[in-house]
Amino acid sequence: METSAATVAAPQSHRITTPEHLENILGGPPHPDIIAKATPHTTPLVREFIRHARFFVLATADAAGRCDSSPRGDLTSVVRMPDEHTLILPDRPGNRRGDSYRNILANPHVGILFIVPGLEEVVRVNGRATLTTDPELCTGLALAGRPAQLAMIVRIDEVYTHCARAMLRGKVWQPDTWVDHGEVPALREMIHEQLGIAVPDDAPPARAEEYRDHLY
């Protein structure tokens, strides 16, 4: 049974409102080594990890703090790292909403989670982004012969590695734990439901969206 937001709102007596309260719940402050692992720059091994991370999630927020996260992927990673303090990331054709980029125009702070398919460890980068259509940069970020639409330049504030616990708990890369795709609602069905319109009777199979054959 679904519950409303009012039903699940925590009573004031159970709310966590201070860092000290939070640390008590989590078992105390983190070990100093955990704090120290964050650096304001990448290292050679971190850059090598990012070079293999052909999938990442980009987190942004607008001027009012409303957050958004967006998945990004390429057949091969084309992230550029001209120095230890900078990342340059490409944009590919999409739905043209540009939510992440509109946020960056209002609030440059970004968080990026780099994932290497098949590996449980991840790398997290926080920084400040700017956007550019510089032809040299966009051409250097080309994939399948097509330059990037724009480039996002991230000046790094913080880099740190994240252990494998979450991926291991979720068994993300273990096919024998994957649900039958037929049991999961398809994007088309979810959109039609959100908009309150019926799927046409003569519609093709749910996951035959034409964009799958035109990625670049």
N, C-alpha and C. Protein backbone atom coordinates (compact mmCIF):
# COMPACT_ATOMS: atom_id res chain seq x y z
N MET A 1 0.85 -1.19 0.00
CA MET A 1 0.00 0.00 0.00
C MET A 1 0.89 1.25 0.00
N GLU A 2 0.58 2.19 -0.90
CA GLU A 2 1.36 3.42 -0.96
C GLU A 2 0.94 4.35 0.18
N THR A 3 1.89 5.14 0.64
CA THR A 3 1.61 6.10 1.71
C THR A 3 1.92 7.49 1.22
N SER A 4 1.25 8.47 1.78
CA SER A 4 1.48 9.86 1.39
C SER A 4 2.71 10.41 2.10
N ALA A 5 3.19 11.55 1.59
CA ALA A 5 4.36 12.19 2.22
C ALA A 5 4.05 12.55 3.67
N ALA A 6 2.80 12.94 3.93
CA ALA A 6 2.43 13.31 5.30
C ALA A 6 2.51 12.11 6.23
N THR A 7 2.20 10.93 5.69
CA THR A 7 2.22 9.72 6.50
C THR A 7 3.64 9.34 6.90
N VAL A 8 4.61 9.52 5.98
CA VAL A 8 5.96 9.06 6.25
C VAL A 8 6.85 10.13 6.86
N ALA A 9 6.35 11.36 6.99
CA ALA A 9 7.16 12.42 7.59
C ALA A 9 7.54 12.02 9.01
N ALA A 10 8.84 12.11 9.33
CA ALA A 10 9.32 11.68 10.64
C ALA A 10 8.87 12.66 11.72
N PRO A 11 8.42 12.14 12.86
CA PRO A 11 8.12 13.02 13.99
C PRO A 11 9.37 13.84 14.35
N GLN A 12 9.17 15.02 14.84
CA GLN A 12 10.28 15.90 15.16
C GLN A 12 11.27 15.23 16.11
N SER A 13 10.78 14.40 17.02
CA SER A 13 11.65 13.77 18.01
C SER A 13 12.62 12.78 17.38
N HIS A 14 12.33 12.32 16.15
CA HIS A 14 13.19 11.34 15.49
C HIS A 14 14.03 11.95 14.36
N ARG A 15 13.87 13.20 14.12
CA ARG A 15 14.59 13.83 13.03
C ARG A 15 16.05 14.06 13.39
N ILE A 16 16.91 13.86 12.42
CA ILE A 16 18.34 14.14 12.58
C ILE A 16 18.58 15.57 12.15
N THR A 17 19.05 16.40 13.06
CA THR A 17 19.14 17.83 12.78
C THR A 17 20.53 18.42 12.98
N THR A 18 21.49 17.64 13.51
CA THR A 18 22.83 18.16 13.74
C THR A 18 23.88 17.16 13.25
N PRO A 19 25.07 17.64 12.89
CA PRO A 19 26.14 16.72 12.50
C PRO A 19 26.49 15.74 13.61
N GLU A 20 26.43 16.19 14.88
CA GLU A 20 26.77 15.32 16.00
C GLU A 20 25.76 14.16 16.11
N HIS A 21 24.49 14.47 15.94
CA HIS A 21 23.45 13.44 15.97
C HIS A 21 23.66 12.44 14.84
N LEU A 22 23.97 12.96 13.66
CA LEU A 22 24.21 12.09 12.51
C LEU A 22 25.40 11.16 12.77
N GLU A 23 26.49 11.70 13.31
CA GLU A 23 27.66 10.88 13.58
C GLU A 23 27.35 9.79 14.60
N ASN A 24 26.50 10.10 15.58
CA ASN A 24 26.11 9.07 16.55
C ASN A 24 25.36 7.94 15.88
N ILE A 25 24.50 8.28 14.93
CA ILE A 25 23.74 7.27 14.20
C ILE A 25 24.67 6.42 13.34
N LEU A 26 25.64 7.06 12.72
CA LEU A 26 26.55 6.36 11.80
C LEU A 26 27.67 5.62 12.52
N GLY A 27 27.76 5.77 13.83
CA GLY A 27 28.79 5.05 14.57
C GLY A 27 30.02 5.87 14.88
N GLY A 28 29.88 7.18 14.87
CA GLY A 28 31.01 8.04 15.19
C GLY A 28 31.57 8.71 13.95
N PRO A 29 32.51 9.64 14.11
CA PRO A 29 33.09 10.33 12.96
C PRO A 29 33.89 9.36 12.11
N PRO A 30 34.06 9.66 10.81
CA PRO A 30 34.83 8.77 9.95
C PRO A 30 36.30 8.72 10.35
N HIS A 31 36.95 7.63 9.99
CA HIS A 31 38.37 7.48 10.29
C HIS A 31 39.16 8.59 9.57
N PRO A 32 40.20 9.13 10.17
CA PRO A 32 40.98 10.20 9.53
C PRO A 32 41.46 9.82 8.13
N ASP A 33 41.77 8.55 7.92
CA ASP A 33 42.23 8.13 6.58
C ASP A 33 41.13 8.32 5.54
N ILE A 34 39.87 8.14 5.95
CA ILE A 34 38.75 8.32 5.02
C ILE A 34 38.62 9.78 4.63
N ILE A 35 38.83 10.67 5.59
CA ILE A 35 38.79 12.11 5.30
C ILE A 35 39.96 12.50 4.41
N ALA A 36 41.14 11.96 4.71
CA ALA A 36 42.36 12.36 4.01
C ALA A 36 42.42 11.86 2.57
N LYS A 37 41.59 10.88 2.21
CA LYS A 37 41.69 10.32 0.86
C LYS A 37 41.21 11.29 -0.22
N ALA A 38 40.47 12.33 0.16
CA ALA A 38 40.02 13.31 -0.81
C ALA A 38 41.15 14.29 -1.12
N THR A 39 41.38 14.55 -2.40
CA THR A 39 42.41 15.49 -2.82
C THR A 39 41.79 16.51 -3.79
N PRO A 40 42.40 17.69 -3.91
CA PRO A 40 41.87 18.71 -4.83
C PRO A 40 42.40 18.53 -6.25
N HIS A 41 42.85 17.36 -6.57
CA HIS A 41 43.41 17.10 -7.90
C HIS A 41 43.38 15.60 -8.18
N THR A 42 43.48 15.24 -9.44
CA THR A 42 43.60 13.83 -9.81
C THR A 42 45.05 13.40 -9.72
N THR A 43 45.25 12.10 -9.62
CA THR A 43 46.59 11.50 -9.65
C THR A 43 46.66 10.60 -10.89
N PRO A 44 47.85 10.13 -11.27
CA PRO A 44 47.96 9.28 -12.47
C PRO A 44 47.03 8.07 -12.45
N LEU A 45 46.92 7.39 -11.32
CA LEU A 45 46.06 6.20 -11.28
C LEU A 45 44.58 6.57 -11.34
N VAL A 46 44.19 7.68 -10.72
CA VAL A 46 42.81 8.13 -10.82
C VAL A 46 42.48 8.50 -12.26
N ARG A 47 43.42 9.18 -12.93
CA ARG A 47 43.18 9.53 -14.33
C ARG A 47 43.06 8.28 -15.20
N GLU A 48 43.85 7.26 -14.89
CA GLU A 48 43.76 6.01 -15.64
C GLU A 48 42.40 5.36 -15.43
N PHE A 49 41.88 5.39 -14.20
CA PHE A 49 40.54 4.86 -13.92
C PHE A 49 39.50 5.61 -14.76
N ILE A 50 39.57 6.93 -14.74
CA ILE A 50 38.58 7.74 -15.47
C ILE A 50 38.65 7.46 -16.96
N ARG A 51 39.84 7.18 -17.48
CA ARG A 51 39.97 6.87 -18.91
C ARG A 51 39.22 5.60 -19.29
N HIS A 52 39.01 4.71 -18.33
CA HIS A 52 38.27 3.48 -18.60
C HIS A 52 36.79 3.61 -18.26
N ALA A 53 36.40 4.71 -17.65
CA ALA A 53 35.02 4.88 -17.18
C ALA A 53 34.17 5.46 -18.30
N ARG A 54 33.60 4.58 -19.11
CA ARG A 54 32.81 5.07 -20.24
C ARG A 54 31.37 5.39 -19.86
N PHE A 55 31.06 5.32 -18.57
CA PHE A 55 29.75 5.72 -18.07
C PHE A 55 29.95 6.59 -16.83
N PHE A 56 29.20 7.69 -16.75
CA PHE A 56 29.26 8.51 -15.54
C PHE A 56 27.91 9.16 -15.30
N VAL A 57 27.70 9.57 -14.06
CA VAL A 57 26.48 10.27 -13.67
C VAL A 57 26.86 11.69 -13.26
N LEU A 58 26.20 12.67 -13.86
CA LEU A 58 26.48 14.08 -13.61
C LEU A 58 25.38 14.65 -12.72
N ALA A 59 25.76 15.17 -11.55
CA ALA A 59 24.81 15.79 -10.63
C ALA A 59 24.99 17.30 -10.66
N THR A 60 23.87 18.01 -10.75
CA THR A 60 23.88 19.48 -10.76
C THR A 60 22.73 19.98 -9.90
N ALA A 61 22.72 21.28 -9.67
CA ALA A 61 21.62 21.92 -8.95
C ALA A 61 21.44 23.33 -9.48
N ASP A 62 20.21 23.82 -9.47
CA ASP A 62 19.98 25.17 -9.95
C ASP A 62 20.26 26.19 -8.85
N ALA A 63 19.98 27.45 -9.13
CA ALA A 63 20.30 28.51 -8.17
C ALA A 63 19.53 28.35 -6.86
N ALA A 64 18.39 27.68 -6.91
CA ALA A 64 17.58 27.49 -5.70
C ALA A 64 17.92 26.19 -4.98
N GLY A 65 18.88 25.44 -5.51
CA GLY A 65 19.28 24.20 -4.87
C GLY A 65 18.51 22.98 -5.31
N ARG A 66 17.61 23.11 -6.29
CA ARG A 66 16.87 21.95 -6.80
C ARG A 66 17.82 21.09 -7.62
N CYS A 67 17.90 19.81 -7.27
CA CYS A 67 18.94 18.94 -7.82
C CYS A 67 18.48 18.13 -9.01
N ASP A 68 19.46 17.69 -9.78
CA ASP A 68 19.20 16.84 -10.94
C ASP A 68 20.41 15.94 -11.13
N SER A 69 20.18 14.73 -11.61
CA SER A 69 21.29 13.85 -11.96
C SER A 69 21.03 13.26 -13.32
N SER A 70 22.08 13.15 -14.12
CA SER A 70 21.92 12.75 -15.52
C SER A 70 22.95 11.70 -15.89
N PRO A 71 22.52 10.55 -16.44
CA PRO A 71 23.47 9.51 -16.87
C PRO A 71 24.11 9.89 -18.20
N ARG A 72 25.39 9.61 -18.35
CA ARG A 72 26.12 9.90 -19.58
C ARG A 72 26.97 8.69 -19.95
N GLY A 73 27.04 8.38 -21.24
CA GLY A 73 27.83 7.23 -21.63
C GLY A 73 28.31 7.32 -23.07
N ASP A 74 29.44 6.69 -23.34
CA ASP A 74 30.01 6.59 -24.67
C ASP A 74 30.55 5.18 -24.85
N LEU A 75 30.74 4.81 -26.11
CA LEU A 75 31.30 3.49 -26.40
C LEU A 75 32.69 3.36 -25.81
N THR A 76 33.45 4.44 -25.89
CA THR A 76 34.74 4.54 -25.22
C THR A 76 34.80 5.89 -24.53
N SER A 77 35.52 5.96 -23.42
CA SER A 77 35.62 7.22 -22.72
C SER A 77 36.47 8.19 -23.52
N VAL A 78 35.95 9.40 -23.69
CA VAL A 78 36.73 10.44 -24.38
C VAL A 78 36.94 11.64 -23.47
N VAL A 79 36.86 11.43 -22.17
CA VAL A 79 37.13 12.50 -21.21
C VAL A 79 38.56 12.98 -21.40
N ARG A 80 38.74 14.28 -21.48
CA ARG A 80 40.08 14.85 -21.60
C ARG A 80 40.52 15.38 -20.24
N MET A 81 41.80 15.16 -19.93
CA MET A 81 42.36 15.63 -18.66
C MET A 81 43.67 16.35 -18.96
N PRO A 82 43.58 17.62 -19.36
CA PRO A 82 44.78 18.36 -19.76
C PRO A 82 45.76 18.59 -18.62
N ASP A 83 45.27 18.55 -17.39
CA ASP A 83 46.14 18.66 -16.22
C ASP A 83 45.42 18.02 -15.04
N GLU A 84 46.06 17.98 -13.90
CA GLU A 84 45.52 17.26 -12.75
C GLU A 84 44.34 17.97 -12.09
N HIS A 85 44.06 19.18 -12.53
CA HIS A 85 42.98 19.95 -11.91
C HIS A 85 41.76 20.11 -12.82
N THR A 86 41.79 19.51 -14.00
CA THR A 86 40.76 19.80 -15.00
C THR A 86 40.25 18.54 -15.69
N LEU A 87 38.94 18.48 -15.91
CA LEU A 87 38.31 17.48 -16.75
C LEU A 87 37.55 18.19 -17.86
N ILE A 88 37.55 17.62 -19.05
CA ILE A 88 36.75 18.14 -20.15
C ILE A 88 35.87 17.00 -20.65
N LEU A 89 34.56 17.22 -20.61
CA LEU A 89 33.59 16.17 -20.91
C LEU A 89 32.72 16.57 -22.10
N PRO A 90 32.36 15.61 -22.95
CA PRO A 90 31.56 15.92 -24.13
C PRO A 90 30.06 15.86 -23.89
N ASP A 91 29.31 16.53 -24.76
CA ASP A 91 27.87 16.35 -24.79
C ASP A 91 27.50 15.70 -26.11
N ARG A 92 26.56 14.75 -26.06
CA ARG A 92 26.08 14.06 -27.24
C ARG A 92 24.62 14.43 -27.52
N PRO A 93 24.15 14.20 -28.75
CA PRO A 93 22.73 14.50 -29.05
C PRO A 93 21.80 13.78 -28.09
N GLY A 94 20.77 14.48 -27.64
CA GLY A 94 19.82 13.89 -26.71
C GLY A 94 18.44 14.49 -26.91
N ASN A 95 17.73 14.70 -25.78
CA ASN A 95 16.36 15.19 -25.88
C ASN A 95 16.25 16.71 -25.91
N ARG A 96 17.38 17.38 -25.86
CA ARG A 96 17.48 18.84 -25.98
C ARG A 96 16.89 19.60 -24.79
N ARG A 97 16.56 18.90 -23.70
CA ARG A 97 16.10 19.61 -22.49
C ARG A 97 17.23 20.42 -21.88
N GLY A 98 18.42 19.83 -21.85
CA GLY A 98 19.57 20.56 -21.31
C GLY A 98 19.46 20.89 -19.84
N ASP A 99 18.79 20.01 -19.06
CA ASP A 99 18.60 20.32 -17.63
C ASP A 99 19.92 20.57 -16.91
N SER A 100 20.89 19.68 -17.12
CA SER A 100 22.17 19.83 -16.42
C SER A 100 22.84 21.14 -16.79
N TYR A 101 22.81 21.47 -18.06
CA TYR A 101 23.51 22.67 -18.52
C TYR A 101 22.79 23.95 -18.09
N ARG A 102 21.48 23.92 -18.07
CA ARG A 102 20.76 25.08 -17.55
C ARG A 102 21.11 25.30 -16.06
N ASN A 103 21.23 24.20 -15.33
CA ASN A 103 21.63 24.31 -13.93
C ASN A 103 23.02 24.92 -13.81
N ILE A 104 23.95 24.44 -14.64
CA ILE A 104 25.33 24.93 -14.57
C ILE A 104 25.40 26.43 -14.85
N LEU A 105 24.56 26.91 -15.76
CA LEU A 105 24.55 28.34 -16.04
C LEU A 105 24.14 29.16 -14.81
N ALA A 106 23.32 28.56 -13.96
CA ALA A 106 22.86 29.25 -12.75
C ALA A 106 23.72 28.93 -11.53
N ASN A 107 24.33 27.74 -11.53
CA ASN A 107 25.09 27.26 -10.38
C ASN A 107 26.17 26.32 -10.91
N PRO A 108 27.43 26.72 -10.91
CA PRO A 108 28.48 25.93 -11.56
C PRO A 108 28.90 24.67 -10.84
N HIS A 109 28.45 24.45 -9.61
CA HIS A 109 28.91 23.30 -8.84
C HIS A 109 28.33 21.99 -9.39
N VAL A 110 29.22 21.02 -9.61
CA VAL A 110 28.80 19.72 -10.15
C VAL A 110 29.44 18.59 -9.35
N GLY A 111 28.79 17.44 -9.37
CA GLY A 111 29.35 16.22 -8.82
C GLY A 111 29.29 15.15 -9.90
N ILE A 112 30.37 14.37 -10.06
CA ILE A 112 30.42 13.36 -11.11
C ILE A 112 30.83 12.02 -10.50
N LEU A 113 30.08 10.99 -10.85
CA LEU A 113 30.36 9.63 -10.39
C LEU A 113 30.81 8.81 -11.60
N PHE A 114 32.08 8.42 -11.62
CA PHE A 114 32.64 7.67 -12.74
C PHE A 114 32.57 6.17 -12.46
N ILE A 115 32.02 5.43 -13.43
CA ILE A 115 31.81 3.99 -13.29
C ILE A 115 32.45 3.25 -14.46
N VAL A 116 33.23 2.22 -14.14
CA VAL A 116 33.79 1.33 -15.16
C VAL A 116 32.92 0.08 -15.20
N PRO A 117 32.26 -0.21 -16.32
CA PRO A 117 31.39 -1.39 -16.38
C PRO A 117 32.12 -2.66 -15.95
N GLY A 118 31.51 -3.39 -15.02
CA GLY A 118 32.09 -4.63 -14.53
C GLY A 118 32.90 -4.47 -13.26
N LEU A 119 33.25 -3.26 -12.88
CA LEU A 119 34.00 -3.02 -11.65
C LEU A 119 33.09 -2.39 -10.60
N GLU A 120 33.33 -2.75 -9.33
CA GLU A 120 32.48 -2.25 -8.26
C GLU A 120 32.94 -0.92 -7.68
N GLU A 121 34.25 -0.64 -7.73
CA GLU A 121 34.74 0.63 -7.18
C GLU A 121 34.39 1.77 -8.14
N VAL A 122 34.23 2.96 -7.57
CA VAL A 122 33.93 4.14 -8.39
C VAL A 122 34.83 5.30 -7.96
N VAL A 123 34.88 6.33 -8.79
CA VAL A 123 35.61 7.56 -8.47
C VAL A 123 34.62 8.71 -8.51
N ARG A 124 34.71 9.55 -7.49
CA ARG A 124 33.82 10.71 -7.37
C ARG A 124 34.63 12.00 -7.53
N VAL A 125 34.07 12.91 -8.32
CA VAL A 125 34.71 14.21 -8.55
C VAL A 125 33.69 15.30 -8.29
N ASN A 126 34.09 16.29 -7.50
CA ASN A 126 33.28 17.49 -7.29
C ASN A 126 34.06 18.69 -7.81
N GLY A 127 33.36 19.61 -8.44
CA GLY A 127 34.06 20.77 -8.98
C GLY A 127 33.10 21.82 -9.48
N ARG A 128 33.63 22.73 -10.29
CA ARG A 128 32.84 23.82 -10.87
C ARG A 128 32.99 23.79 -12.38
N ALA A 129 31.86 23.89 -13.07
CA ALA A 129 31.85 23.67 -14.51
C ALA A 129 31.54 24.94 -15.30
N THR A 130 32.12 25.00 -16.49
CA THR A 130 31.75 26.00 -17.48
C THR A 130 31.48 25.27 -18.79
N LEU A 131 30.73 25.92 -19.68
CA LEU A 131 30.35 25.31 -20.95
C LEU A 131 30.97 26.08 -22.11
N THR A 132 31.34 25.36 -23.17
CA THR A 132 31.96 26.02 -24.32
C THR A 132 31.63 25.26 -25.60
N THR A 133 31.63 25.99 -26.71
CA THR A 133 31.50 25.37 -28.04
C THR A 133 32.81 25.51 -28.81
N ASP A 134 33.90 25.71 -28.11
CA ASP A 134 35.21 25.85 -28.75
C ASP A 134 35.41 24.73 -29.78
N PRO A 135 35.57 25.05 -31.07
CA PRO A 135 35.66 24.02 -32.11
C PRO A 135 36.79 23.03 -31.89
N GLU A 136 37.93 23.50 -31.40
CA GLU A 136 39.06 22.60 -31.19
C GLU A 136 38.73 21.57 -30.10
N LEU A 137 38.12 22.03 -29.01
CA LEU A 137 37.75 21.10 -27.95
C LEU A 137 36.69 20.12 -28.41
N CYS A 138 35.65 20.62 -29.07
CA CYS A 138 34.55 19.75 -29.50
C CYS A 138 35.02 18.72 -30.52
N THR A 139 35.93 19.11 -31.40
CA THR A 139 36.47 18.16 -32.38
C THR A 139 37.32 17.11 -31.67
N GLY A 140 38.07 17.53 -30.65
CA GLY A 140 38.89 16.59 -29.90
C GLY A 140 38.07 15.60 -29.09
N LEU A 141 36.79 15.90 -28.87
CA LEU A 141 35.89 15.02 -28.14
C LEU A 141 34.98 14.24 -29.08
N ALA A 142 35.33 14.20 -30.35
CA ALA A 142 34.48 13.53 -31.35
C ALA A 142 34.40 12.04 -31.08
N LEU A 143 33.26 11.47 -31.45
CA LEU A 143 33.06 10.02 -31.39
C LEU A 143 32.28 9.60 -32.62
N ALA A 144 32.71 8.51 -33.26
CA ALA A 144 32.10 8.04 -34.50
C ALA A 144 32.11 9.13 -35.56
N GLY A 145 33.16 9.96 -35.54
CA GLY A 145 33.31 11.00 -36.55
C GLY A 145 32.49 12.25 -36.31
N ARG A 146 31.75 12.31 -35.20
CA ARG A 146 30.91 13.47 -34.92
C ARG A 146 31.45 14.24 -33.72
N PRO A 147 31.78 15.53 -33.92
CA PRO A 147 32.27 16.33 -32.78
C PRO A 147 31.20 16.43 -31.70
N ALA A 148 31.65 16.70 -30.48
CA ALA A 148 30.70 16.96 -29.39
C ALA A 148 29.90 18.22 -29.69
N GLN A 149 28.66 18.25 -29.21
CA GLN A 149 27.83 19.45 -29.41
C GLN A 149 28.38 20.62 -28.62
N LEU A 150 28.86 20.31 -27.44
CA LEU A 150 29.51 21.30 -26.59
C LEU A 150 30.43 20.55 -25.65
N ALA A 151 31.28 21.29 -24.98
CA ALA A 151 32.19 20.69 -24.00
C ALA A 151 31.94 21.31 -22.64
N MET A 152 32.04 20.48 -21.61
CA MET A 152 31.92 20.95 -20.23
C MET A 152 33.29 20.87 -19.58
N ILE A 153 33.80 22.00 -19.16
CA ILE A 153 35.11 22.06 -18.52
C ILE A 153 34.91 22.13 -17.02
N VAL A 154 35.45 21.15 -16.31
CA VAL A 154 35.28 21.07 -14.86
C VAL A 154 36.59 21.37 -14.17
N ARG A 155 36.59 22.39 -13.36
CA ARG A 155 37.73 22.70 -12.50
C ARG A 155 37.52 21.94 -11.20
N ILE A 156 38.43 21.05 -10.88
CA ILE A 156 38.24 20.11 -9.78
C ILE A 156 38.43 20.78 -8.42
N ASP A 157 37.48 20.53 -7.52
CA ASP A 157 37.60 20.93 -6.11
C ASP A 157 38.00 19.75 -5.24
N GLU A 158 37.50 18.55 -5.60
CA GLU A 158 37.68 17.40 -4.72
C GLU A 158 37.54 16.11 -5.54
N VAL A 159 38.46 15.17 -5.28
CA VAL A 159 38.43 13.85 -5.91
C VAL A 159 38.59 12.80 -4.83
N TYR A 160 37.77 11.77 -4.86
CA TYR A 160 38.02 10.66 -3.95
C TYR A 160 37.42 9.37 -4.49
N THR A 161 37.99 8.27 -4.04
CA THR A 161 37.52 6.96 -4.47
C THR A 161 36.42 6.49 -3.52
N HIS A 162 35.57 5.63 -4.04
CA HIS A 162 34.46 5.10 -3.25
C HIS A 162 34.52 3.59 -3.30
N CYS A 163 34.43 2.98 -2.13
CA CYS A 163 34.59 1.52 -2.06
C CYS A 163 33.43 0.80 -2.74
N ALA A 164 33.54 -0.52 -2.82
CA ALA A 164 32.63 -1.32 -3.63
C ALA A 164 31.36 -1.77 -2.91
N ARG A 165 31.16 -1.37 -1.66
CA ARG A 165 30.07 -1.96 -0.88
C ARG A 165 28.70 -1.83 -1.56
N ALA A 166 28.38 -0.66 -2.07
CA ALA A 166 27.05 -0.45 -2.66
C ALA A 166 26.84 -1.35 -3.88
N MET A 167 27.84 -1.40 -4.76
CA MET A 167 27.75 -2.24 -5.95
C MET A 167 27.68 -3.72 -5.57
N LEU A 168 28.45 -4.10 -4.56
CA LEU A 168 28.45 -5.49 -4.13
C LEU A 168 27.10 -5.87 -3.51
N ARG A 169 26.55 -4.98 -2.70
CA ARG A 169 25.25 -5.27 -2.09
C ARG A 169 24.18 -5.41 -3.17
N GLY A 170 24.24 -4.55 -4.18
CA GLY A 170 23.26 -4.60 -5.25
C GLY A 170 23.54 -5.66 -6.29
N LYS A 171 24.74 -6.30 -6.22
CA LYS A 171 25.14 -7.30 -7.21
C LYS A 171 24.88 -6.79 -8.63
N VAL A 172 25.29 -5.56 -8.85
CA VAL A 172 24.96 -4.84 -10.08
C VAL A 172 25.44 -5.56 -11.34
N TRP A 173 26.61 -6.18 -11.28
CA TRP A 173 27.19 -6.77 -12.48
C TRP A 173 27.00 -8.28 -12.56
N GLN A 174 26.15 -8.85 -11.72
CA GLN A 174 25.94 -10.30 -11.72
C GLN A 174 24.66 -10.65 -12.48
N PRO A 175 24.78 -11.13 -13.72
CA PRO A 175 23.60 -11.39 -14.56
C PRO A 175 22.58 -12.32 -13.92
N ASP A 176 23.04 -13.26 -13.08
CA ASP A 176 22.08 -14.21 -12.51
C ASP A 176 21.15 -13.55 -11.50
N THR A 177 21.43 -12.28 -11.12
CA THR A 177 20.55 -11.57 -10.19
C THR A 177 19.64 -10.58 -10.93
N TRP A 178 19.85 -10.41 -12.23
CA TRP A 178 19.09 -9.41 -12.97
C TRP A 178 17.64 -9.84 -13.14
N VAL A 179 16.74 -8.89 -13.06
CA VAL A 179 15.33 -9.16 -13.24
C VAL A 179 15.04 -9.36 -14.73
N ASP A 180 14.03 -10.14 -15.03
CA ASP A 180 13.56 -10.30 -16.40
C ASP A 180 13.10 -8.93 -16.91
N HIS A 181 13.67 -8.48 -18.02
CA HIS A 181 13.34 -7.14 -18.53
C HIS A 181 11.86 -6.99 -18.83
N GLY A 182 11.21 -8.09 -19.12
CA GLY A 182 9.78 -8.02 -19.40
C GLY A 182 8.96 -7.64 -18.19
N GLU A 183 9.53 -7.76 -17.00
CA GLU A 183 8.81 -7.40 -15.77
C GLU A 183 8.98 -5.92 -15.42
N VAL A 184 9.87 -5.23 -16.13
CA VAL A 184 10.16 -3.83 -15.81
C VAL A 184 9.45 -2.91 -16.79
N PRO A 185 8.70 -1.92 -16.31
CA PRO A 185 8.02 -0.99 -17.22
C PRO A 185 9.00 -0.33 -18.17
N ALA A 186 8.62 -0.23 -19.44
CA ALA A 186 9.46 0.43 -20.44
C ALA A 186 9.25 1.93 -20.40
N LEU A 187 10.25 2.64 -20.90
CA LEU A 187 10.21 4.11 -20.90
C LEU A 187 8.93 4.61 -21.56
N ARG A 188 8.57 4.03 -22.71
CA ARG A 188 7.39 4.50 -23.44
C ARG A 188 6.13 4.39 -22.58
N GLU A 189 5.96 3.24 -21.90
CA GLU A 189 4.78 3.05 -21.08
C GLU A 189 4.74 4.04 -19.91
N MET A 190 5.91 4.27 -19.30
CA MET A 190 5.94 5.20 -18.17
C MET A 190 5.59 6.62 -18.60
N ILE A 191 6.10 7.04 -19.76
CA ILE A 191 5.80 8.39 -20.25
C ILE A 191 4.32 8.53 -20.55
N HIS A 192 3.75 7.53 -21.23
CA HIS A 192 2.32 7.60 -21.54
C HIS A 192 1.48 7.66 -20.27
N GLU A 193 1.89 6.90 -19.25
CA GLU A 193 1.17 6.94 -17.99
C GLU A 193 1.27 8.30 -17.33
N GLN A 194 2.49 8.87 -17.33
CA GLN A 194 2.68 10.19 -16.72
C GLN A 194 1.83 11.25 -17.39
N LEU A 195 1.71 11.15 -18.72
CA LEU A 195 0.95 12.15 -19.47
C LEU A 195 -0.53 11.82 -19.57
N GLY A 196 -0.91 10.63 -19.08
CA GLY A 196 -2.32 10.26 -19.09
C GLY A 196 -2.86 9.96 -20.46
N ILE A 197 -2.03 9.41 -21.36
CA ILE A 197 -2.49 9.07 -22.70
C ILE A 197 -2.26 7.59 -22.96
N ALA A 198 -3.05 7.01 -23.84
CA ALA A 198 -2.98 5.59 -24.13
C ALA A 198 -1.92 5.29 -25.17
N VAL A 199 -1.27 4.13 -25.03
CA VAL A 199 -0.33 3.65 -26.03
C VAL A 199 -1.14 3.15 -27.22
N PRO A 200 -0.85 3.59 -28.46
CA PRO A 200 -1.61 3.13 -29.62
C PRO A 200 -1.58 1.61 -29.75
N ASP A 201 -2.67 1.04 -30.21
CA ASP A 201 -2.76 -0.41 -30.37
C ASP A 201 -1.73 -0.95 -31.35
N ASP A 202 -1.37 -0.13 -32.36
CA ASP A 202 -0.43 -0.59 -33.37
C ASP A 202 1.01 -0.19 -33.07
N ALA A 203 1.29 0.19 -31.82
CA ALA A 203 2.65 0.60 -31.44
C ALA A 203 3.59 -0.59 -31.53
N PRO A 204 4.86 -0.35 -31.90
CA PRO A 204 5.85 -1.43 -31.95
C PRO A 204 6.16 -1.92 -30.54
N PRO A 205 6.96 -2.99 -30.42
CA PRO A 205 7.32 -3.49 -29.08
C PRO A 205 7.86 -2.37 -28.20
N ALA A 206 7.60 -2.50 -26.91
CA ALA A 206 7.88 -1.41 -25.97
C ALA A 206 9.31 -0.93 -25.98
N ARG A 207 10.27 -1.83 -26.14
CA ARG A 207 11.67 -1.42 -26.09
C ARG A 207 12.31 -1.38 -27.47
N ALA A 208 11.52 -1.05 -28.49
CA ALA A 208 12.05 -0.94 -29.85
C ALA A 208 12.22 0.53 -30.24
N GLU A 209 12.46 1.40 -29.23
CA GLU A 209 12.60 2.82 -29.52
C GLU A 209 13.68 3.03 -30.57
N GLU A 210 13.37 3.88 -31.56
CA GLU A 210 14.27 4.02 -32.70
C GLU A 210 15.63 4.63 -32.34
N TYR A 211 15.70 5.35 -31.21
CA TYR A 211 16.98 5.97 -30.87
C TYR A 211 18.06 4.94 -30.61
N ARG A 212 17.69 3.69 -30.32
CA ARG A 212 18.68 2.66 -30.04
C ARG A 212 19.60 2.41 -31.24
N ASP A 213 19.13 2.72 -32.42
CA ASP A 213 19.94 2.50 -33.63
C ASP A 213 20.60 3.78 -34.12
N HIS A 214 20.40 4.90 -33.42
CA HIS A 214 20.95 6.17 -33.86
C HIS A 214 21.54 6.91 -32.65
N LEU A 215 22.62 6.38 -32.11
CA LEU A 215 23.19 6.93 -30.89
C LEU A 215 24.09 8.13 -31.13
N TYR A 216 24.70 8.24 -32.30
CA TYR A 216 25.65 9.31 -32.54
C TYR A 216 25.31 10.08 -33.81
